[in-house]
């Protein structure tokens, strides 16, 4: 449990530092499926959805997955997959999902213009990623 909390802390802390709200109007920035940055009065607030909810881009709030469009509202079956991240090909590889111990841990988005590279386990330029996600041959 401590390792999970430490890992979550390491993942969440950098998110606060990648959005500088001093130059942004109030709104949602740097949204993922489980958390998002809300700029309010030039201050960044990390909003984390509870374990049963995901970010709904239509409302700007956490919501039940059944009310949320793909990819965040879609769960994947990880029971037969090894631990790791997998390109979501139904979303043209612009997002990926994580599996650990047969459990689905949600979707993450790639930076616009990139796709998920399963070999490197990171988002990458399409010309550096082999098909079906990219164009590298």
N, C-alpha and C. Protein backbone atom coordinates (compact mmCIF):
# COMPACT_ATOMS: atom_id res chain seq x y z
N UNK A 1 0.83 -1.19 0.00
CA UNK A 1 0.00 0.00 0.00
C UNK A 1 0.87 1.26 0.00
N UNK A 2 1.95 1.24 0.78
CA UNK A 2 2.83 2.41 0.83
C UNK A 2 3.48 2.66 -0.53
N UNK A 3 3.83 1.58 -1.24
CA UNK A 3 4.44 1.73 -2.55
C UNK A 3 3.45 2.37 -3.52
N UNK A 4 2.19 1.97 -3.46
CA UNK A 4 1.17 2.56 -4.32
C UNK A 4 1.00 4.04 -4.00
N UNK A 5 0.93 4.40 -2.74
CA UNK A 5 0.78 5.81 -2.36
C UNK A 5 1.99 6.62 -2.82
N UNK A 6 3.19 6.05 -2.69
CA UNK A 6 4.40 6.73 -3.13
C UNK A 6 4.37 6.94 -4.64
N UNK A 7 3.96 5.89 -5.39
CA UNK A 7 3.88 5.98 -6.83
C UNK A 7 2.87 7.03 -7.26
N UNK A 8 1.70 7.03 -6.64
CA UNK A 8 0.67 8.02 -6.96
C UNK A 8 1.18 9.42 -6.68
N UNK A 9 1.89 9.60 -5.57
CA UNK A 9 2.44 10.91 -5.24
C UNK A 9 3.43 11.35 -6.31
N UNK A 10 4.29 10.45 -6.75
CA UNK A 10 5.27 10.79 -7.78
C UNK A 10 4.60 11.15 -9.10
N UNK A 11 3.47 10.51 -9.40
CA UNK A 11 2.76 10.80 -10.63
C UNK A 11 1.99 12.11 -10.52
N UNK A 12 1.39 12.39 -9.37
CA UNK A 12 0.55 13.57 -9.22
C UNK A 12 1.35 14.85 -9.04
N UNK A 13 2.43 14.82 -8.30
CA UNK A 13 3.17 16.03 -8.04
C UNK A 13 3.64 16.74 -9.30
N UNK A 14 4.22 16.04 -10.28
CA UNK A 14 4.66 16.74 -11.47
C UNK A 14 3.51 17.40 -12.23
N UNK A 15 2.29 16.86 -12.12
CA UNK A 15 1.15 17.43 -12.84
C UNK A 15 0.90 18.87 -12.41
N UNK A 16 1.07 19.16 -11.14
CA UNK A 16 0.84 20.52 -10.64
C UNK A 16 1.85 21.47 -11.24
N UNK A 17 3.06 21.00 -11.46
CA UNK A 17 4.12 21.87 -11.93
C UNK A 17 4.14 22.03 -13.45
N UNK A 18 3.35 21.24 -14.19
CA UNK A 18 3.38 21.36 -15.64
C UNK A 18 2.33 22.34 -16.15
N UNK A 19 1.45 22.84 -15.29
CA UNK A 19 0.47 23.84 -15.70
C UNK A 19 0.72 25.10 -14.88
N UNK A 20 1.04 26.18 -15.58
CA UNK A 20 1.25 27.46 -14.93
C UNK A 20 -0.04 28.27 -15.08
N UNK A 21 -0.83 28.31 -14.04
CA UNK A 21 -2.13 28.97 -14.10
C UNK A 21 -2.03 30.49 -14.05
N UNK A 22 -0.85 31.02 -13.81
CA UNK A 22 -0.72 32.48 -13.71
C UNK A 22 -1.05 33.17 -15.03
N UNK A 23 -0.94 32.46 -16.14
CA UNK A 23 -1.22 33.06 -17.44
C UNK A 23 -2.46 32.47 -18.11
N UNK A 24 -3.20 31.60 -17.39
CA UNK A 24 -4.38 30.96 -17.96
C UNK A 24 -5.66 31.51 -17.33
N UNK A 25 -6.71 31.62 -18.14
CA UNK A 25 -8.00 31.95 -17.53
C UNK A 25 -8.52 30.74 -16.75
N UNK A 26 -9.51 30.95 -15.90
CA UNK A 26 -10.10 29.86 -15.14
C UNK A 26 -10.58 28.77 -16.10
N UNK A 27 -10.35 27.51 -15.72
CA UNK A 27 -10.80 26.40 -16.55
C UNK A 27 -10.04 25.13 -16.25
N UNK A 28 -10.33 24.11 -17.04
CA UNK A 28 -9.72 22.79 -16.88
C UNK A 28 -8.54 22.68 -17.83
N UNK A 29 -7.41 22.18 -17.29
CA UNK A 29 -6.19 21.98 -18.08
C UNK A 29 -5.57 20.65 -17.71
N UNK A 30 -4.82 20.09 -18.65
CA UNK A 30 -4.07 18.86 -18.41
C UNK A 30 -4.95 17.77 -17.81
N UNK A 31 -6.03 17.43 -18.52
CA UNK A 31 -6.98 16.44 -18.02
C UNK A 31 -6.56 15.03 -18.41
N UNK A 32 -6.70 14.11 -17.47
CA UNK A 32 -6.55 12.68 -17.70
C UNK A 32 -7.86 12.03 -17.31
N UNK A 33 -7.90 10.73 -17.30
CA UNK A 33 -9.15 10.06 -16.96
C UNK A 33 -9.43 10.03 -15.46
N UNK A 34 -8.42 10.08 -14.63
CA UNK A 34 -8.62 10.01 -13.18
C UNK A 34 -8.39 11.32 -12.46
N UNK A 35 -7.78 12.28 -13.13
CA UNK A 35 -7.49 13.57 -12.49
C UNK A 35 -7.39 14.66 -13.54
N UNK A 36 -7.49 15.89 -13.08
CA UNK A 36 -7.35 17.02 -13.97
C UNK A 36 -6.87 18.22 -13.18
N UNK A 37 -6.35 19.20 -13.89
CA UNK A 37 -5.90 20.45 -13.27
C UNK A 37 -6.98 21.50 -13.51
N UNK A 38 -7.43 22.11 -12.45
CA UNK A 38 -8.43 23.18 -12.55
C UNK A 38 -7.74 24.48 -12.15
N UNK A 39 -7.63 25.40 -13.09
CA UNK A 39 -7.08 26.72 -12.79
C UNK A 39 -8.22 27.61 -12.31
N UNK A 40 -8.01 28.20 -11.13
CA UNK A 40 -9.02 29.10 -10.56
C UNK A 40 -8.28 30.25 -9.90
N UNK A 41 -8.58 31.46 -10.33
CA UNK A 41 -7.91 32.66 -9.81
C UNK A 41 -6.39 32.55 -9.91
N UNK A 42 -5.93 31.99 -11.04
CA UNK A 42 -4.50 31.85 -11.36
C UNK A 42 -3.75 30.87 -10.45
N UNK A 43 -4.49 29.96 -9.80
CA UNK A 43 -3.89 28.93 -8.95
C UNK A 43 -4.30 27.56 -9.50
N UNK A 44 -3.32 26.61 -9.58
CA UNK A 44 -3.60 25.26 -10.07
C UNK A 44 -4.06 24.37 -8.92
N UNK A 45 -5.17 23.69 -9.14
CA UNK A 45 -5.70 22.71 -8.19
C UNK A 45 -5.78 21.37 -8.89
N UNK A 46 -5.20 20.32 -8.28
CA UNK A 46 -5.31 18.98 -8.82
C UNK A 46 -6.59 18.38 -8.27
N UNK A 47 -7.46 17.95 -9.17
CA UNK A 47 -8.71 17.32 -8.77
C UNK A 47 -8.60 15.85 -9.14
N UNK A 48 -8.68 14.98 -8.15
CA UNK A 48 -8.62 13.54 -8.36
C UNK A 48 -10.00 12.94 -8.20
N UNK A 49 -10.42 12.16 -9.16
CA UNK A 49 -11.71 11.49 -9.08
C UNK A 49 -11.62 10.34 -8.10
N UNK A 50 -12.72 10.02 -7.42
CA UNK A 50 -12.71 8.88 -6.51
C UNK A 50 -12.61 7.59 -7.31
N UNK A 51 -12.43 6.48 -6.64
CA UNK A 51 -12.13 5.20 -7.29
C UNK A 51 -13.23 4.73 -8.25
N UNK A 52 -14.46 5.20 -8.08
CA UNK A 52 -15.55 4.73 -8.94
C UNK A 52 -15.91 5.72 -10.04
N UNK A 53 -15.17 6.83 -10.15
CA UNK A 53 -15.50 7.85 -11.13
C UNK A 53 -14.30 8.16 -12.04
N UNK A 54 -14.59 8.79 -13.17
CA UNK A 54 -13.58 9.23 -14.11
C UNK A 54 -13.93 10.65 -14.58
N UNK A 55 -12.98 11.32 -15.20
CA UNK A 55 -13.19 12.68 -15.69
C UNK A 55 -14.12 12.68 -16.89
N UNK A 56 -15.13 13.54 -16.84
CA UNK A 56 -16.07 13.70 -17.94
C UNK A 56 -15.74 15.01 -18.65
N UNK A 57 -15.18 14.92 -19.86
CA UNK A 57 -14.78 16.12 -20.60
C UNK A 57 -15.98 16.97 -21.02
N UNK A 58 -17.16 16.38 -21.06
CA UNK A 58 -18.36 17.14 -21.43
C UNK A 58 -18.83 18.05 -20.31
N UNK A 59 -18.62 17.64 -19.05
CA UNK A 59 -19.11 18.43 -17.92
C UNK A 59 -17.99 19.12 -17.15
N UNK A 60 -16.75 18.65 -17.32
CA UNK A 60 -15.63 19.23 -16.57
C UNK A 60 -15.59 18.77 -15.13
N UNK A 61 -16.24 17.63 -14.84
CA UNK A 61 -16.28 17.09 -13.48
C UNK A 61 -16.06 15.58 -13.50
N UNK A 62 -15.85 15.02 -12.32
CA UNK A 62 -15.80 13.57 -12.19
C UNK A 62 -17.22 13.04 -12.31
N UNK A 63 -17.36 11.85 -12.89
CA UNK A 63 -18.68 11.30 -13.16
C UNK A 63 -18.58 9.78 -13.21
N UNK A 64 -19.73 9.11 -13.20
CA UNK A 64 -19.78 7.65 -13.33
C UNK A 64 -19.36 7.29 -14.76
N UNK A 65 -18.54 6.26 -14.94
CA UNK A 65 -18.04 5.91 -16.27
C UNK A 65 -19.13 5.73 -17.33
N UNK A 66 -20.33 5.27 -16.94
CA UNK A 66 -21.41 5.08 -17.91
C UNK A 66 -21.85 6.39 -18.56
N UNK A 67 -21.58 7.51 -17.91
CA UNK A 67 -21.97 8.82 -18.43
C UNK A 67 -20.86 9.50 -19.21
N UNK A 68 -19.71 8.86 -19.32
CA UNK A 68 -18.50 9.49 -19.87
C UNK A 68 -18.16 8.88 -21.23
N UNK A 69 -17.84 9.74 -22.22
CA UNK A 69 -17.47 9.21 -23.54
C UNK A 69 -16.11 8.51 -23.50
N UNK A 70 -15.81 7.68 -24.52
CA UNK A 70 -14.51 7.03 -24.59
C UNK A 70 -13.40 8.06 -24.70
N UNK A 71 -12.20 7.75 -24.27
CA UNK A 71 -11.81 6.46 -23.73
C UNK A 71 -12.07 6.33 -22.22
N UNK A 72 -12.26 7.43 -21.51
CA UNK A 72 -12.35 7.36 -20.05
C UNK A 72 -13.53 6.54 -19.55
N UNK A 73 -14.62 6.53 -20.28
CA UNK A 73 -15.79 5.80 -19.84
C UNK A 73 -15.78 4.33 -20.17
N UNK A 74 -14.69 3.85 -20.79
CA UNK A 74 -14.61 2.47 -21.22
C UNK A 74 -13.59 1.71 -20.38
N UNK A 75 -14.01 0.61 -19.81
CA UNK A 75 -13.11 -0.25 -19.04
C UNK A 75 -12.55 -1.32 -19.97
N UNK A 76 -11.36 -1.76 -19.71
CA UNK A 76 -10.73 -2.83 -20.51
C UNK A 76 -10.52 -4.06 -19.64
N UNK A 77 -10.59 -5.22 -20.26
CA UNK A 77 -10.39 -6.48 -19.55
C UNK A 77 -8.89 -6.77 -19.51
N UNK A 78 -8.33 -6.76 -18.32
CA UNK A 78 -6.89 -6.99 -18.14
C UNK A 78 -6.56 -8.37 -17.60
N UNK A 79 -7.56 -9.23 -17.44
CA UNK A 79 -7.32 -10.51 -16.78
C UNK A 79 -6.29 -11.37 -17.50
N UNK A 80 -6.17 -11.27 -18.81
CA UNK A 80 -5.22 -12.09 -19.56
C UNK A 80 -4.00 -11.31 -20.04
N UNK A 81 -3.87 -10.05 -19.61
CA UNK A 81 -2.76 -9.22 -20.07
C UNK A 81 -1.66 -9.13 -19.01
N UNK A 82 -0.42 -9.06 -19.47
CA UNK A 82 0.71 -8.86 -18.57
C UNK A 82 0.68 -7.44 -18.02
N UNK A 83 1.38 -7.21 -16.92
CA UNK A 83 1.49 -5.86 -16.35
C UNK A 83 2.13 -4.94 -17.38
N UNK A 84 1.55 -3.77 -17.55
CA UNK A 84 2.10 -2.80 -18.49
C UNK A 84 1.02 -1.91 -19.06
N UNK A 85 1.42 -1.12 -20.03
CA UNK A 85 0.51 -0.19 -20.68
C UNK A 85 0.28 -0.66 -22.11
N UNK A 86 -0.95 -0.43 -22.60
CA UNK A 86 -1.36 -0.90 -23.91
C UNK A 86 -2.02 0.22 -24.69
N UNK A 87 -1.66 0.35 -25.97
CA UNK A 87 -2.28 1.35 -26.83
C UNK A 87 -3.76 1.03 -26.98
N UNK A 88 -4.60 2.05 -26.89
CA UNK A 88 -6.03 1.88 -27.12
C UNK A 88 -6.27 2.11 -28.60
N UNK A 89 -6.28 1.03 -29.36
CA UNK A 89 -6.41 1.13 -30.81
C UNK A 89 -7.79 1.63 -31.24
N UNK A 90 -8.79 1.47 -30.37
CA UNK A 90 -10.11 2.01 -30.71
C UNK A 90 -10.11 3.52 -30.68
N UNK A 91 -9.11 4.12 -30.03
CA UNK A 91 -8.96 5.58 -29.98
C UNK A 91 -7.78 6.02 -30.84
N UNK A 92 -7.43 5.19 -31.85
CA UNK A 92 -6.35 5.49 -32.79
C UNK A 92 -5.01 5.67 -32.08
N UNK A 93 -4.83 4.97 -30.96
CA UNK A 93 -3.58 4.96 -30.19
C UNK A 93 -3.23 6.31 -29.56
N UNK A 94 -4.17 7.24 -29.54
CA UNK A 94 -3.93 8.54 -28.92
C UNK A 94 -4.09 8.47 -27.41
N UNK A 95 -4.48 7.31 -26.91
CA UNK A 95 -4.55 7.07 -25.47
C UNK A 95 -4.07 5.65 -25.22
N UNK A 96 -3.85 5.35 -23.96
CA UNK A 96 -3.41 4.01 -23.58
C UNK A 96 -4.02 3.67 -22.23
N UNK A 97 -4.06 2.37 -21.94
CA UNK A 97 -4.58 1.93 -20.65
C UNK A 97 -3.53 1.08 -19.95
N UNK A 98 -3.64 1.03 -18.65
CA UNK A 98 -2.64 0.33 -17.83
C UNK A 98 -3.29 -0.85 -17.12
N UNK A 99 -2.57 -1.97 -17.12
CA UNK A 99 -3.00 -3.18 -16.42
C UNK A 99 -1.92 -3.58 -15.42
N UNK A 100 -2.35 -4.03 -14.27
CA UNK A 100 -1.41 -4.53 -13.26
C UNK A 100 -2.11 -5.60 -12.44
N UNK A 101 -1.51 -6.77 -12.39
CA UNK A 101 -2.09 -7.87 -11.62
C UNK A 101 -3.46 -8.26 -12.11
N UNK A 102 -3.71 -8.10 -13.41
CA UNK A 102 -5.01 -8.43 -13.99
C UNK A 102 -6.08 -7.38 -13.77
N UNK A 103 -5.70 -6.24 -13.16
CA UNK A 103 -6.66 -5.18 -12.87
C UNK A 103 -6.46 -4.01 -13.82
N UNK A 104 -7.55 -3.47 -14.31
CA UNK A 104 -7.55 -2.30 -15.18
C UNK A 104 -7.36 -1.06 -14.32
N UNK A 105 -6.35 -0.24 -14.65
CA UNK A 105 -6.05 0.97 -13.88
C UNK A 105 -6.40 2.25 -14.62
N UNK A 106 -7.14 2.16 -15.71
CA UNK A 106 -7.62 3.36 -16.39
C UNK A 106 -6.81 3.77 -17.59
N UNK A 107 -7.35 4.78 -18.26
CA UNK A 107 -6.76 5.34 -19.47
C UNK A 107 -5.93 6.58 -19.15
N UNK A 108 -4.98 6.85 -20.02
CA UNK A 108 -4.21 8.08 -20.01
C UNK A 108 -4.15 8.59 -21.44
N UNK A 109 -3.99 9.89 -21.60
CA UNK A 109 -3.93 10.49 -22.92
C UNK A 109 -2.49 10.77 -23.32
N UNK A 110 -2.23 10.65 -24.61
CA UNK A 110 -0.95 11.09 -25.16
C UNK A 110 -1.07 12.58 -25.49
N UNK A 111 0.07 13.25 -25.53
CA UNK A 111 0.11 14.64 -25.96
C UNK A 111 -0.41 14.70 -27.40
N UNK A 112 -1.21 15.71 -27.74
CA UNK A 112 -1.71 15.81 -29.12
C UNK A 112 -0.58 15.70 -30.14
N UNK A 113 -0.84 14.91 -31.18
CA UNK A 113 0.15 14.70 -32.23
C UNK A 113 1.01 13.47 -32.02
N UNK A 114 0.88 12.82 -30.84
CA UNK A 114 1.65 11.61 -30.56
C UNK A 114 0.71 10.42 -30.39
N UNK A 115 1.30 9.23 -30.46
CA UNK A 115 0.58 7.98 -30.25
C UNK A 115 1.36 7.14 -29.24
N UNK A 116 0.71 6.10 -28.71
CA UNK A 116 1.39 5.29 -27.71
C UNK A 116 2.29 4.25 -28.36
N UNK A 117 3.51 4.18 -27.88
CA UNK A 117 4.51 3.23 -28.34
C UNK A 117 4.61 2.13 -27.28
N UNK A 118 4.03 0.96 -27.56
CA UNK A 118 4.03 -0.13 -26.57
C UNK A 118 5.43 -0.65 -26.29
N UNK A 119 6.32 -0.58 -27.26
CA UNK A 119 7.69 -1.07 -27.06
C UNK A 119 8.41 -0.21 -26.03
N UNK A 120 8.31 1.11 -26.16
CA UNK A 120 8.98 2.02 -25.24
C UNK A 120 8.14 2.37 -24.01
N UNK A 121 6.84 1.99 -24.04
CA UNK A 121 5.91 2.28 -22.95
C UNK A 121 5.77 3.77 -22.69
N UNK A 122 5.70 4.54 -23.79
CA UNK A 122 5.53 5.99 -23.70
C UNK A 122 4.89 6.50 -24.99
N UNK A 123 4.39 7.71 -24.95
CA UNK A 123 3.86 8.34 -26.16
C UNK A 123 5.03 8.82 -27.00
N UNK A 124 4.85 8.75 -28.32
CA UNK A 124 5.96 9.01 -29.24
C UNK A 124 5.38 9.56 -30.55
N UNK A 125 6.27 10.08 -31.40
CA UNK A 125 5.84 10.56 -32.70
C UNK A 125 5.42 9.38 -33.56
N UNK A 126 4.35 9.50 -34.35
CA UNK A 126 3.87 8.38 -35.17
C UNK A 126 4.93 7.78 -36.08
N UNK A 127 5.84 8.60 -36.62
CA UNK A 127 6.87 8.04 -37.52
C UNK A 127 7.93 7.24 -36.77
N UNK A 128 7.91 7.25 -35.44
CA UNK A 128 8.84 6.45 -34.63
C UNK A 128 8.17 5.23 -34.01
N UNK A 129 6.89 4.99 -34.34
CA UNK A 129 6.12 3.89 -33.76
C UNK A 129 5.70 2.94 -34.88
N UNK A 130 5.95 1.63 -34.69
CA UNK A 130 5.53 0.67 -35.73
C UNK A 130 4.00 0.56 -35.83
N UNK A 131 3.49 0.11 -36.98
CA UNK A 131 2.05 -0.11 -37.11
C UNK A 131 1.57 -1.12 -36.06
N UNK A 132 0.34 -1.10 -35.66
CA UNK A 132 -0.76 -0.35 -36.25
C UNK A 132 -0.90 1.08 -35.73
N UNK A 133 -0.13 1.47 -34.73
CA UNK A 133 -0.29 2.81 -34.16
C UNK A 133 0.47 3.88 -34.92
N UNK A 134 1.60 3.52 -35.50
CA UNK A 134 2.42 4.50 -36.19
C UNK A 134 2.75 4.09 -37.60
N UNK A 135 3.72 4.77 -38.18
CA UNK A 135 4.07 4.54 -39.59
C UNK A 135 5.51 4.05 -39.78
N UNK A 136 6.22 3.77 -38.68
CA UNK A 136 7.62 3.32 -38.80
C UNK A 136 7.68 1.92 -39.39
N UNK A 137 8.58 1.75 -40.35
CA UNK A 137 8.76 0.43 -40.98
C UNK A 137 10.14 -0.07 -40.79
